[in-house]
C-alpha atoms as a PDB file:
ATOM      1  CA  MET A   1      44.992 -52.800 -26.675  1.00  0.00           C
ATOM      2  CA  ALA A   2      45.399 -49.276 -27.842  1.00  0.00           C
ATOM      3  CA  THR A   3      48.623 -47.992 -29.381  1.00  0.00           C
ATOM      4  CA  PRO A   4      50.316 -45.254 -27.488  1.00  0.00           C
ATOM      5  CA  PRO A   5      49.806 -41.777 -29.067  1.00  0.00           C
ATOM      6  CA  HIS A   6      53.488 -41.241 -29.899  1.00  0.00           C
ATOM      7  CA  THR A   7      54.051 -44.516 -31.685  1.00  0.00           C
ATOM      8  CA  THR A   8      53.624 -44.559 -35.424  1.00  0.00           C
ATOM      9  CA  THR A   9      52.523 -47.188 -37.841  1.00  0.00           C
ATOM     10  CA  THR A  10      54.069 -48.015 -41.162  1.00  0.00           C
ATOM     11  CA  GLN A  11      51.019 -46.665 -42.918  1.00  0.00           C
ATOM     12  CA  GLY A  12      51.343 -43.357 -41.053  1.00  0.00           C
ATOM     13  CA  VAL A  13      54.982 -43.059 -42.069  1.00  0.00           C
ATOM     14  CA  ASP A  14      54.124 -43.889 -45.667  1.00  0.00           C
ATOM     15  CA  ASP A  15      51.374 -41.259 -45.634  1.00  0.00           C
ATOM     16  CA  ALA A  16      53.732 -38.645 -44.181  1.00  0.00           C
ATOM     17  CA  ILE A  17      56.402 -39.407 -46.782  1.00  0.00           C
ATOM     18  CA  ALA A  18      53.775 -39.200 -49.521  1.00  0.00           C
ATOM     19  CA  ARG A  19      52.636 -35.796 -48.229  1.00  0.00           C
ATOM     20  CA  VAL A  20      56.232 -34.560 -48.106  1.00  0.00           C
ATOM     21  CA  LEU A  21      56.907 -35.786 -51.651  1.00  0.00           C
ATOM     22  CA  GLU A  22      53.691 -34.210 -52.875  1.00  0.00           C
ATOM     23  CA  ALA A  23      54.568 -30.903 -51.167  1.00  0.00           C
ATOM     24  CA  GLU A  24      58.050 -31.089 -52.668  1.00  0.00           C
ATOM     25  CA  GLN A  25      56.596 -31.649 -56.135  1.00  0.00           C
ATOM     26  CA  THR A  26      54.162 -28.763 -55.647  1.00  0.00           C
ATOM     27  CA  ALA A  27      57.031 -26.560 -54.504  1.00  0.00           C
ATOM     28  CA  ARG A  28      59.130 -27.543 -57.540  1.00  0.00           C
ATOM     29  CA  VAL A  29      56.254 -26.652 -59.865  1.00  0.00           C
ATOM     30  CA  ALA A  30      55.775 -23.336 -58.049  1.00  0.00           C
ATOM     31  CA  VAL A  31      59.509 -22.571 -58.190  1.00  0.00           C
ATOM     32  CA  GLY A  32      59.579 -23.450 -61.907  1.00  0.00           C
ATOM     33  CA  SER A  33      56.588 -21.210 -62.519  1.00  0.00           C
ATOM     34  CA  CYS A  34      58.252 -18.371 -60.604  1.00  0.00           C
ATOM     35  CA  ALA A  35      61.447 -18.864 -62.594  1.00  0.00           C
ATOM     36  CA  GLU A  36      59.502 -18.670 -65.857  1.00  0.00           C
ATOM     37  CA  LYS A  37      57.707 -15.520 -64.699  1.00  0.00           C
ATOM     38  CA  ALA A  38      61.003 -13.981 -63.572  1.00  0.00           C
ATOM     39  CA  ASP A  39      62.570 -14.782 -66.937  1.00  0.00           C
ATOM     40  CA  ALA A  40      59.619 -13.214 -68.747  1.00  0.00           C
ATOM     41  CA  LEU A  41      59.897 -10.127 -66.527  1.00  0.00           C
ATOM     42  CA  ARG A  42      63.649  -9.892 -67.208  1.00  0.00           C
ATOM     43  CA  GLN A  43      63.076 -10.146 -70.941  1.00  0.00           C
ATOM     44  CA  ALA A  44      60.355  -7.500 -70.822  1.00  0.00           C
ATOM     45  CA  ALA A  45      62.589  -5.224 -68.732  1.00  0.00           C
ATOM     46  CA  ARG A  46      65.447  -5.677 -71.196  1.00  0.00           C
ATOM     47  CA  ALA A  47      63.132  -4.836 -74.094  1.00  0.00           C
ATOM     48  CA  ARG A  48      61.885  -1.719 -72.276  1.00  0.00           C
ATOM     49  CA  ALA A  49      65.441  -0.688 -71.414  1.00  0.00           C
ATOM     50  CA  HIS A  50      66.481  -1.167 -75.038  1.00  0.00           C
ATOM     51  CA  ALA A  51      63.541   0.918 -76.253  1.00  0.00           C
ATOM     52  CA  ILE A  52      64.337   3.647 -73.712  1.00  0.00           C
ATOM     53  CA  ALA A  53      67.992   3.647 -74.775  1.00  0.00           C
ATOM     54  CA  GLU A  54      66.986   3.963 -78.447  1.00  0.00           C
ATOM     55  CA  ARG A  55      64.628   6.864 -77.695  1.00  0.00           C
ATOM     56  CA  ALA A  56      67.294   8.556 -75.594  1.00  0.00           C
ATOM     57  CA  ALA A  57      69.834   8.172 -78.407  1.00  0.00           C
ATOM     58  CA  GLU A  58      67.349   9.596 -80.921  1.00  0.00           C
ATOM     59  CA  ARG A  59      66.592  12.552 -78.639  1.00  0.00           C
ATOM     60  CA  ALA A  60      70.278  13.205 -78.020  1.00  0.00           C
ATOM     61  CA  ALA A  61      70.927  13.128 -81.763  1.00  0.00           C
ATOM     62  CA  ALA A  62      68.075  15.595 -82.316  1.00  0.00           C
ATOM     63  CA  VAL A  63      69.493  17.918 -79.663  1.00  0.00           C
ATOM     64  CA  HIS A  64      72.925  17.681 -81.300  1.00  0.00           C
ATOM     65  CA  ARG A  65      71.459  18.479 -84.719  1.00  0.00           C
ATOM     66  CA  SER A  66      69.555  21.453 -83.331  1.00  0.00           C
ATOM     67  CA  THR A  67      72.564  22.723 -81.415  1.00  0.00           C
ATOM     68  CA  ASP A  68      74.815  22.255 -84.439  1.00  0.00           C
ATOM     69  CA  ALA A  69      72.386  24.231 -86.593  1.00  0.00           C
ATOM     70  CA  SER A  70      72.197  27.034 -84.017  1.00  0.00           C
ATOM     71  CA  ILE A  71      75.970  27.151 -83.703  1.00  0.00           C
ATOM     72  CA  ARG A  72      76.409  27.204 -87.494  1.00  0.00           C
ATOM     73  CA  ALA A  73      73.891  30.045 -87.787  1.00  0.00           C
ATOM     74  CA  ARG A  74      75.679  32.047 -85.078  1.00  0.00           C
ATOM     75  CA  ILE A  75      79.084  31.415 -86.695  1.00  0.00           C
ATOM     76  CA  ASP A  76      77.705  32.603 -90.043  1.00  0.00           C
ATOM     77  CA  GLU A  77      76.327  35.732 -88.364  1.00  0.00           C
ATOM     78  CA  LEU A  78      79.677  36.440 -86.693  1.00  0.00           C
ATOM     79  CA  ASN A  79      81.518  35.897 -89.986  1.00  0.00           C
ATOM     80  CA  ARG A  80      79.213  38.402 -91.687  1.00  0.00           C
ATOM     81  CA  GLU A  81      79.836  40.907 -88.900  1.00  0.00           C
ATOM     82  CA  ARG A  82      83.589  40.375 -89.162  1.00  0.00           C
ATOM     83  CA  ALA A  83      83.503  40.825 -92.933  1.00  0.00           C
ATOM     84  CA  ALA A  84      81.522  44.041 -92.526  1.00  0.00           C
ATOM     85  CA  LEU A  85      84.027  45.324 -89.973  1.00  0.00           C
ATOM     86  CA  GLN A  86      86.934  44.508 -92.275  1.00  0.00           C
ATOM     87  CA  GLN A  87      85.465  46.539 -95.149  1.00  0.00           C
ATOM     88  CA  PRO A  88      87.055  49.976 -95.496  1.00  0.00           C
ATOM     89  CA  GLU A  89      84.749  52.711 -94.362  1.00  0.00           C
ATOM     90  CA  GLY A  90      83.513  55.160 -96.935  1.00  0.00           C
ATOM     91  CA  PRO A  91      84.274  58.836 -96.566  1.00  0.00           C
ATOM     92  CA  ALA A  92      82.698  60.699 -93.693  1.00  0.00           C
ATOM     93  CA  PRO A  93      79.754  62.846 -94.741  1.00  0.00           C
ATOM     94  CA  ASP A  94      81.669  66.076 -94.148  1.00  0.00           C
ATOM     95  CA  GLU A  95      84.937  64.862 -95.692  1.00  0.00           C
ATOM     96  CA  PRO A  96      84.510  66.602 -99.101  1.00  0.00           C
ATOM     97  CA  GLU A  97      83.863  69.885 -97.360  1.00  0.00           C
ATOM     98  CA  ARG A  98      86.896  69.480 -95.057  1.00  0.00           C
ATOM     99  CA  LEU A  99      89.052  68.529 -98.023  1.00  0.00           C
ATOM    100  CA  ALA A 100      87.901  71.619 -99.942  1.00  0.00           C
ATOM    101  CA  ARG A 101      88.765  73.884 -96.975  1.00  0.00           C
ATOM    102  CA  ALA A 102      92.165  72.233 -96.595  1.00  0.00           C
ATOM    103  CA  LEU A 103      92.864  72.744-100.312  1.00  0.00           C
ATOM    104  CA  ASP A 104      91.783  76.396-100.056  1.00  0.00           C
ATOM    105  CA  ARG A 105      94.187  76.960 -97.130  1.00  0.00           C
ATOM    106  CA  LEU A 106      96.987  75.225 -99.002  1.00  0.00           C
ATOM    107  CA  ALA A 107      96.317  77.322-102.079  1.00  0.00           C
ATOM    108  CA  GLU A 108      96.351  80.515 -99.970  1.00  0.00           C
ATOM    109  CA  GLU A 109      99.597  79.487 -98.322  1.00  0.00           C
ATOM    110  CA  LEU A 110     101.180  78.662-101.651  1.00  0.00           C
ATOM    111  CA  ALA A 111      99.874  81.811-103.249  1.00  0.00           C
ATOM    112  CA  GLY A 112     100.833  83.934-100.265  1.00  0.00           C
ATOM    113  CA  GLY A 113     104.253  82.434-100.045  1.00  0.00           C
ATOM    114  CA  SER A 114     105.098  83.055-103.708  1.00  0.00           C
ATOM    115  CA  ALA A 115     103.810  86.619-103.854  1.00  0.00           C
END
C-alpha cells in the first residue's frame, strides 16, 4: 500500500528539520562574516576620516600662517606709509627764492617807510 503524497514520515520530518538547522547555521556564519566585514569597513572608514581631518587641519593651519604673514606684511607697509606721511615736509624747491623776494619787499617797505 502506497502512502498518500501529502503524508510525511518521521524520517522526512527529521531530514527537513536537519536542513533547516543547517541553513540556520549557514546563515549565522554568513551574518557573522558580514558583521566582521562591516566592522572592518567601519574601522577603515574611521581611519580615513581621521586622516582626512588631520590633512584638513594641517592645510587650514598653513592657510592661516600664509594669511597671517600677508596681513603682517601689509600692516608693516601701511605703517611705513603712515610714518612717511607724518614726517614734516622739507622746503619746497622754490621756497628760498620766495623767501628772498619777501625779505626784499619787507626791506623796501621798511626803508621806504623810514625815509
